[in-house]
Amino acid sequence: MNTQNSKNSPNSTNATESNSTMKKFILPIIAIAMLLIAIAYMAGMFTDKIQPQTNAMVKDEIGTSMLITSKEVDVVESIPAGVKARETTLISSRILSRIEKIYVRAGDSVTKGDLLVSLENSEFKAREAQAKAQISSVAASKKEAKQTLDRSRELQAKGLISTSELDKAVANYSKLTAEFNAAKQYLKEAETALTYTDIRAPISGNVVERNAEPGDISSPGTPLLSIYNPSSLRIEANVRESLAVNLNIGEQVSITLDSINLKLNAQITEIVPAADPNARSFVIKADIDFNEHILPGMFARIAITNGSENIILIPQQYIHSFGQLDSVWIVENSQLQRRLIRTGVTKNGQVEVVSGLQNNETIALATKVH
């Protein structure tokens, strides 16, 4: 038995190797054949081919349509601008002195003549008193010199005194008169300096900024307060020279303040007759009416008309958007065709078409598209 098994063993090994070799070749062939069949099916080899044709559009598939016509509109440029006060002032001291009290803060309203700041005035009161005392002293000496002069003239007329003595009396009186006039000027100066210790509002308006506090030393020219007149606000903008040269004083412009969502009209009141050599622009100023919500420094925009142009405007509902692509349906030979367009600004439901449409073309709303 053992001998017979050993004889059959090589045959079994050969059969196994033969089956394995067949599988290696057959399986790839089957896979390739199936792939070719799938490709042929997708290419339509097993179905009847339909000749290309154009299906006529049914009438109710085309919705509301409109004929494209261009319109001539004004070209409006938006120029950045700012709000400034025509009447504004910086309050400062004329003398060097310590601040005793400040009566207002930023945001307060003041009337012309209101007391704003009090400075230490003891030194100036002393100067005033000294000037008054000096006037009294010189006035007494002057009175005495006048009496002496009158007597000297009487005596000289009688020949009782010499001319030289009369001249001395005249000179003394003239000297005291000059000293009296100088004392009066010194008093006037002291009184004027004393008035500088009370700083009052030069205009009516609102306090914008407070730059000092009681106890600080005020020096001439150093700002203590800033005041502006809210009824004197205006819009100022730098307009490029090619646009500014066509503007005229009295021309109406539109103003927009985005921060308070306000639009208003203004009139150009001033065009600075010199251009900025660096920016090549002119400063344009336009007065605006009083509004309690408008404050100096606010950002604004001036809309200035710069000629006209022909543009195409279509209602927004005719435009179909796919991501960043916009398209419309064009009616040609009673059929709808999709066309890509490039759009511009949108205003009041109308969209500007920059490119993609021409005059006398018809667009429509598609109610049903195959």
Protein backbone atom coordinates (compact mmCIF):
# COMPACT_ATOMS: atom_id res chain seq x y z
CA MET A 1 0.00 0.00 0.00
CA ASN A 2 2.75 2.33 0.85
CA THR A 3 4.34 1.66 -2.49
CA GLN A 4 1.15 2.53 -4.41
CA ASN A 5 0.62 5.82 -2.55
CA SER A 6 4.11 6.87 -3.23
CA LYS A 7 3.60 6.21 -6.93
CA ASN A 8 0.41 8.33 -7.11
CA SER A 9 1.81 11.31 -5.18
CA PRO A 10 3.68 12.98 -8.10
CA ASN A 11 0.55 12.89 -10.27
CA SER A 12 -1.50 14.67 -7.65
CA THR A 13 1.10 17.38 -7.34
CA ASN A 14 1.10 17.98 -11.08
CA ALA A 15 -2.69 18.30 -11.21
CA THR A 16 -2.69 20.86 -8.46
CA GLU A 17 -0.05 22.96 -10.20
CA SER A 18 -2.00 22.80 -13.47
CA ASN A 19 -5.23 24.08 -11.83
CA SER A 20 -3.36 26.94 -10.16
CA THR A 21 -1.81 28.01 -13.48
CA MET A 22 -5.24 28.06 -15.18
CA LYS A 23 -6.72 30.27 -12.45
CA LYS A 24 -3.90 32.78 -12.87
CA PHE A 25 -4.74 33.25 -16.56
CA ILE A 26 -8.52 32.83 -16.55
CA LEU A 27 -9.41 35.32 -13.77
CA PRO A 28 -7.61 38.34 -15.35
CA ILE A 29 -9.15 37.49 -18.72
CA ILE A 30 -12.64 37.42 -17.21
CA ALA A 31 -12.06 40.76 -15.42
CA ILE A 32 -10.84 42.43 -18.62
CA ALA A 33 -13.83 41.11 -20.56
CA MET A 34 -16.27 42.44 -17.99
CA LEU A 35 -14.59 45.86 -18.06
CA LEU A 36 -14.83 46.00 -21.85
CA ILE A 37 -18.51 45.07 -21.73
CA ALA A 38 -19.17 47.84 -19.15
CA ILE A 39 -17.40 50.43 -21.29
CA ALA A 40 -19.37 49.39 -24.36
CA TYR A 41 -22.63 49.64 -22.45
CA MET A 42 -21.84 53.12 -21.19
CA ALA A 43 -20.94 54.14 -24.75
CA GLY A 44 -24.45 53.10 -25.87
CA MET A 45 -23.44 50.18 -28.09
CA PHE A 46 -26.31 48.03 -26.82
CA THR A 47 -29.04 50.71 -27.23
CA ASP A 48 -30.56 52.39 -30.26
CA LYS A 49 -29.01 55.83 -30.97
CA ILE A 50 -31.29 58.90 -31.07
CA GLN A 51 -30.47 61.49 -33.66
CA PRO A 52 -29.82 65.00 -32.16
CA GLN A 53 -32.69 67.43 -32.57
CA THR A 54 -34.03 70.66 -31.11
CA ASN A 55 -37.26 70.42 -29.19
CA ALA A 56 -39.65 73.28 -29.84
CA MET A 57 -40.45 75.21 -26.68
CA VAL A 58 -44.00 75.09 -25.52
CA LYS A 59 -45.51 78.52 -25.20
CA ASP A 60 -46.25 78.30 -21.51
CA GLU A 61 -42.61 77.39 -20.75
CA ILE A 62 -41.57 81.02 -21.34
CA GLY A 63 -42.70 83.26 -18.51
CA THR A 64 -42.75 87.06 -18.29
CA SER A 65 -40.32 88.57 -20.78
CA MET A 66 -38.85 92.02 -21.33
CA LEU A 67 -36.95 93.74 -24.11
CA ILE A 68 -33.48 94.95 -23.19
CA THR A 69 -32.89 98.68 -23.70
CA SER A 70 -30.01 100.73 -22.36
CA LYS A 71 -30.61 103.85 -20.30
CA GLU A 72 -28.56 107.01 -19.98
CA VAL A 73 -27.76 107.64 -16.33
CA ASP A 74 -25.52 110.04 -14.45
CA VAL A 75 -22.14 108.74 -13.34
CA VAL A 76 -21.93 109.47 -9.61
CA GLU A 77 -18.64 109.22 -7.73
CA SER A 78 -18.54 108.78 -3.97
CA ILE A 79 -15.79 110.90 -2.39
CA PRO A 80 -14.67 110.28 1.24
CA ALA A 81 -15.15 113.36 3.39
CA GLY A 82 -15.35 114.52 7.00
CA VAL A 83 -17.47 116.76 9.19
CA LYS A 84 -15.78 119.92 10.48
CA ALA A 85 -16.96 123.02 12.32
CA ARG A 86 -16.64 126.36 10.60
CA GLU A 87 -16.67 128.18 13.94
CA THR A 88 -14.28 126.53 16.37
CA THR A 89 -11.90 127.99 18.93
CA LEU A 90 -9.19 126.89 21.33
CA ILE A 91 -9.42 128.53 24.74
CA SER A 92 -6.07 129.43 26.31
CA SER A 93 -4.72 131.82 28.91
CA ARG A 94 -2.99 135.11 28.13
CA ILE A 95 -1.05 135.10 31.39
CA LEU A 96 1.02 132.70 33.44
CA SER A 97 -1.02 131.75 36.47
CA ARG A 98 -2.39 128.81 38.46
CA ILE A 99 -5.87 127.53 37.57
CA GLU A 100 -8.31 127.90 40.45
CA LYS A 101 -11.46 126.48 38.86
CA ILE A 102 -12.83 125.19 35.54
CA TYR A 103 -16.60 125.43 35.29
CA VAL A 104 -17.29 123.19 32.26
CA ARG A 105 -16.49 119.75 30.93
CA ALA A 106 -16.55 118.12 27.49
CA GLY A 107 -20.08 118.01 26.13
CA ASP A 108 -21.38 121.03 28.04
CA SER A 109 -23.16 123.81 26.16
CA VAL A 110 -21.99 127.37 26.73
CA THR A 111 -23.20 130.82 25.73
CA LYS A 112 -20.97 133.63 24.58
CA GLY A 113 -19.67 135.46 27.67
CA ASP A 114 -20.06 132.55 30.11
CA LEU A 115 -17.27 132.17 32.67
CA LEU A 116 -15.22 129.11 31.79
CA VAL A 117 -12.00 129.27 33.82
CA SER A 118 -10.87 131.24 36.88
CA LEU A 119 -7.16 131.86 37.44
CA GLU A 120 -5.40 132.90 40.63
CA ASN A 121 -5.67 136.72 40.72
CA SER A 122 -4.14 137.84 44.05
CA GLU A 123 -0.96 139.08 42.35
CA PHE A 124 -2.94 141.05 39.77
CA LYS A 125 -5.20 142.58 42.42
CA ALA A 126 -2.07 143.72 44.27
CA ARG A 127 -0.76 145.34 41.09
CA GLU A 128 -4.08 147.13 40.65
CA ALA A 129 -4.02 148.44 44.21
CA GLN A 130 -0.41 149.55 43.79
CA ALA A 131 -1.29 151.42 40.61
CA LYS A 132 -4.20 153.18 42.31
CA ALA A 133 -1.99 154.21 45.24
CA GLN A 134 0.65 155.54 42.87
CA ILE A 135 -1.97 157.58 41.06
CA SER A 136 -3.15 159.10 44.32
CA SER A 137 0.41 160.02 45.33
CA VAL A 138 1.31 161.53 41.98
CA ALA A 139 -2.02 163.36 41.80
CA ALA A 140 -1.31 165.08 45.14
CA SER A 141 2.19 166.09 44.03
CA LYS A 142 0.82 167.32 40.75
CA LYS A 143 -1.77 169.46 42.52
CA GLU A 144 0.90 171.03 44.67
CA ALA A 145 3.13 171.60 41.62
CA LYS A 146 0.24 173.30 39.86
CA GLN A 147 -0.29 175.70 42.74
CA THR A 148 3.43 176.44 42.86
CA LEU A 149 3.46 177.09 39.13
CA ASP A 150 0.52 179.51 39.39
CA ARG A 151 2.21 181.48 42.20
CA SER A 152 5.49 181.55 40.32
CA ARG A 153 3.80 183.04 37.30
CA GLU A 154 2.18 185.77 39.42
CA LEU A 155 5.47 186.60 41.14
CA GLN A 156 7.44 186.58 37.91
CA ALA A 157 4.87 188.94 36.39
CA LYS A 158 5.51 191.34 39.28
CA GLY A 159 9.25 190.89 38.86
CA LEU A 160 9.73 189.29 42.26
CA ILE A 161 11.34 186.04 40.97
CA SER A 162 13.63 185.25 38.12
CA THR A 163 12.68 183.48 34.90
CA SER A 164 14.80 180.47 35.86
CA GLU A 165 12.73 179.88 38.97
CA LEU A 166 9.57 179.98 36.86
CA ASP A 167 11.12 177.51 34.45
CA LYS A 168 11.83 175.11 37.34
CA ALA A 169 8.21 175.29 38.44
CA VAL A 170 7.05 174.59 34.88
CA ALA A 171 9.43 171.64 34.55
CA ASN A 172 8.36 170.16 37.88
CA TYR A 173 4.69 170.39 36.94
CA SER A 174 5.34 168.82 33.54
CA LYS A 175 7.30 165.99 35.15
CA LEU A 176 4.52 165.22 37.63
CA THR A 177 1.93 165.38 34.86
CA ALA A 178 3.87 162.79 32.89
CA GLU A 179 4.20 160.57 35.98
CA PHE A 180 0.46 160.91 36.59
CA ASN A 181 -0.31 159.82 33.02
CA ALA A 182 2.12 156.90 33.35
CA ALA A 183 0.47 155.84 36.62
CA LYS A 184 -2.92 155.86 34.91
CA GLN A 185 -1.57 153.65 32.12
CA TYR A 186 -0.06 151.32 34.69
CA LEU A 187 -3.47 151.09 36.40
CA LYS A 188 -5.11 150.37 33.09
CA GLU A 189 -2.58 147.62 32.43
CA ALA A 190 -3.15 146.11 35.87
CA GLU A 191 -6.93 146.18 35.41
CA THR A 192 -6.61 144.55 31.99
CA ALA A 193 -4.34 141.80 33.36
CA LEU A 194 -6.86 141.22 36.15
CA THR A 195 -9.61 140.62 33.59
CA TYR A 196 -7.42 137.90 32.02
CA THR A 197 -7.84 135.84 35.19
CA ASP A 198 -11.48 135.24 34.21
CA ILE A 199 -11.61 133.37 30.91
CA ARG A 200 -14.99 133.63 29.21
CA ALA A 201 -16.53 131.92 26.16
CA PRO A 202 -15.82 133.87 22.95
CA ILE A 203 -18.63 132.06 21.08
CA SER A 204 -21.74 130.06 21.88
CA GLY A 205 -21.41 126.33 21.31
CA ASN A 206 -20.40 123.01 22.81
CA VAL A 207 -17.25 122.10 24.69
CA VAL A 208 -15.33 119.48 22.73
CA GLU A 209 -12.30 118.89 24.92
CA ARG A 210 -10.99 119.84 28.35
CA ASN A 211 -7.19 119.79 28.54
CA ALA A 212 -6.51 121.08 32.07
CA GLU A 213 -7.64 120.69 35.66
CA PRO A 214 -7.66 123.01 38.71
CA GLY A 215 -4.16 123.34 40.16
CA ASP A 216 -2.43 123.22 36.79
CA ILE A 217 -0.30 126.16 35.70
CA SER A 218 -1.69 127.87 32.63
CA SER A 219 0.78 129.42 30.23
CA PRO A 220 0.04 131.70 27.27
CA GLY A 221 -0.95 129.75 24.17
CA THR A 222 -1.49 126.40 25.89
CA PRO A 223 -5.03 125.13 25.07
CA LEU A 224 -7.30 124.67 28.07
CA LEU A 225 -10.64 124.05 26.34
CA SER A 226 -11.93 123.54 22.81
CA ILE A 227 -15.35 124.87 21.73
CA TYR A 228 -17.25 124.61 18.46
CA ASN A 229 -20.52 126.02 17.18
CA PRO A 230 -22.82 123.07 16.28
CA SER A 231 -24.84 125.22 13.90
CA SER A 232 -21.76 125.92 11.75
CA LEU A 233 -20.90 122.38 10.65
CA ARG A 234 -19.83 121.64 7.12
CA ILE A 235 -18.46 118.82 5.01
CA GLU A 236 -14.90 118.96 3.71
CA ALA A 237 -13.39 116.60 1.15
CA ASN A 238 -10.29 116.29 -1.00
CA VAL A 239 -11.49 115.95 -4.60
CA ARG A 240 -9.12 114.98 -7.37
CA GLU A 241 -8.29 117.86 -9.67
CA SER A 242 -9.87 116.38 -12.83
CA LEU A 243 -13.22 116.28 -11.03
CA ALA A 244 -12.86 119.42 -8.92
CA VAL A 245 -12.23 121.75 -11.86
CA ASN A 246 -15.78 121.06 -13.10
CA LEU A 247 -17.42 121.99 -9.79
CA ASN A 248 -18.90 125.40 -9.05
CA ILE A 249 -19.76 127.29 -5.89
CA GLY A 250 -23.49 126.92 -5.18
CA GLU A 251 -23.71 123.48 -6.79
CA GLN A 252 -25.88 120.94 -4.95
CA VAL A 253 -24.31 117.67 -3.79
CA SER A 254 -25.62 114.66 -1.88
CA ILE A 255 -24.10 113.80 1.52
CA THR A 256 -24.23 110.40 3.22
CA LEU A 257 -23.25 109.70 6.84
CA ASP A 258 -23.16 105.93 7.21
CA SER A 259 -22.66 105.89 10.99
CA ILE A 260 -26.05 107.49 11.66
CA ASN A 261 -27.71 106.28 8.43
CA LEU A 262 -28.41 109.83 7.28
CA LYS A 263 -28.63 111.29 3.78
CA LEU A 264 -28.94 115.00 3.12
CA ASN A 265 -28.32 117.64 0.49
CA ALA A 266 -25.70 120.36 0.78
CA GLN A 267 -24.43 123.28 -1.23
CA ILE A 268 -20.81 123.85 -2.16
CA THR A 269 -19.80 127.10 -0.47
CA GLU A 270 -16.04 127.10 -0.95
CA ILE A 271 -13.44 125.62 -3.27
CA VAL A 272 -9.90 126.21 -2.08
CA PRO A 273 -8.14 127.79 -5.11
CA ALA A 274 -4.94 125.81 -4.68
CA ALA A 275 -4.31 122.10 -5.20
CA ASP A 276 -2.39 119.81 -2.91
CA PRO A 277 0.81 119.15 -4.92
CA ASN A 278 1.21 115.69 -3.38
CA ALA A 279 -2.34 114.37 -3.73
CA ARG A 280 -3.25 116.48 -6.79
CA SER A 281 -6.59 117.35 -5.22
CA PHE A 282 -8.62 120.39 -4.17
CA VAL A 283 -10.42 120.91 -0.85
CA ILE A 284 -14.18 121.24 -1.33
CA LYS A 285 -16.40 122.62 1.46
CA ALA A 286 -20.18 122.30 1.65
CA ASP A 287 -22.39 123.76 4.39
CA ILE A 288 -25.07 121.57 6.00
CA ASP A 289 -28.07 122.36 8.15
CA PHE A 290 -28.00 121.87 11.91
CA ASN A 291 -28.60 118.32 13.12
CA GLU A 292 -28.06 117.30 16.72
CA HIS A 293 -26.83 113.86 15.64
CA ILE A 294 -24.02 115.21 13.44
CA LEU A 295 -20.75 115.76 15.29
CA PRO A 296 -17.34 117.08 14.17
CA GLY A 297 -14.96 114.42 12.95
CA MET A 298 -17.65 112.08 11.60
CA PHE A 299 -16.96 110.21 8.36
CA ALA A 300 -19.11 111.22 5.40
CA ARG A 301 -19.32 110.72 1.66
CA ILE A 302 -20.04 113.30 -1.03
CA ALA A 303 -21.78 112.09 -4.19
CA ILE A 304 -20.56 114.13 -7.16
CA THR A 305 -21.94 113.71 -10.68
CA ASN A 306 -19.25 113.11 -13.29
CA GLY A 307 -20.96 113.01 -16.68
CA SER A 308 -23.30 110.26 -17.91
CA GLU A 309 -23.17 106.82 -19.54
CA ASN A 310 -25.47 104.23 -21.14
CA ILE A 311 -26.04 101.16 -19.00
CA ILE A 312 -28.36 98.16 -19.02
CA LEU A 313 -30.57 97.63 -15.98
CA ILE A 314 -32.76 94.56 -15.45
CA PRO A 315 -34.97 93.47 -12.55
CA GLN A 316 -33.21 91.29 -10.03
CA GLN A 317 -35.73 88.43 -10.39
CA TYR A 318 -34.51 87.75 -13.94
CA ILE A 319 -31.04 86.82 -12.68
CA HIS A 320 -30.19 83.27 -11.59
CA SER A 321 -27.10 82.85 -9.43
CA PHE A 322 -24.99 79.72 -9.13
CA GLY A 323 -22.22 80.36 -6.66
CA GLN A 324 -20.36 83.34 -8.10
CA LEU A 325 -21.87 82.94 -11.58
CA ASP A 326 -24.91 84.92 -12.74
CA SER A 327 -27.03 84.03 -15.74
CA VAL A 328 -30.29 84.96 -17.48
CA TRP A 329 -32.62 83.21 -19.91
CA ILE A 330 -32.49 84.67 -23.43
CA VAL A 331 -35.45 84.20 -25.81
CA GLU A 332 -34.30 83.35 -29.34
CA ASN A 333 -36.67 81.88 -31.93
CA SER A 334 -39.23 81.08 -29.21
CA GLN A 335 -36.60 79.11 -27.31
CA LEU A 336 -34.82 79.75 -24.05
CA GLN A 337 -31.06 79.81 -23.87
CA ARG A 338 -29.03 80.32 -20.75
CA ARG A 339 -26.38 83.05 -20.92
CA LEU A 340 -23.78 84.04 -18.34
CA ILE A 341 -23.59 87.75 -17.47
CA ARG A 342 -21.42 89.99 -15.33
CA THR A 343 -23.34 92.28 -12.97
CA GLY A 344 -22.54 95.58 -11.29
CA VAL A 345 -24.27 97.56 -8.59
CA THR A 346 -27.83 96.88 -7.40
CA LYS A 347 -30.18 99.76 -6.65
CA ASN A 348 -33.91 99.73 -5.95
CA GLY A 349 -34.29 96.16 -7.25
CA GLN A 350 -32.52 96.96 -10.54
CA VAL A 351 -29.20 95.29 -11.34
CA GLU A 352 -26.63 96.79 -13.69
CA VAL A 353 -25.43 94.33 -16.35
CA VAL A 354 -21.82 95.10 -17.18
CA SER A 355 -21.46 92.50 -19.93
CA GLY A 356 -23.40 89.63 -21.48
CA LEU A 357 -26.46 91.49 -22.78
CA GLN A 358 -27.08 93.87 -25.65
CA ASN A 359 -29.85 96.19 -26.74
CA ASN A 360 -32.98 94.69 -28.32
CA GLU A 361 -32.41 91.26 -26.79
CA THR A 362 -35.27 89.66 -24.85
CA ILE A 363 -34.93 88.03 -21.47
CA ALA A 364 -37.59 85.96 -19.76
CA LEU A 365 -38.53 84.05 -16.66
CA ALA A 366 -38.54 80.31 -17.38
CA THR A 367 -41.58 78.53 -15.95
CA LYS A 368 -40.44 75.13 -17.21
CA VAL A 369 -37.10 74.13 -18.68
CA HIS A 370 -36.32 70.69 -20.23
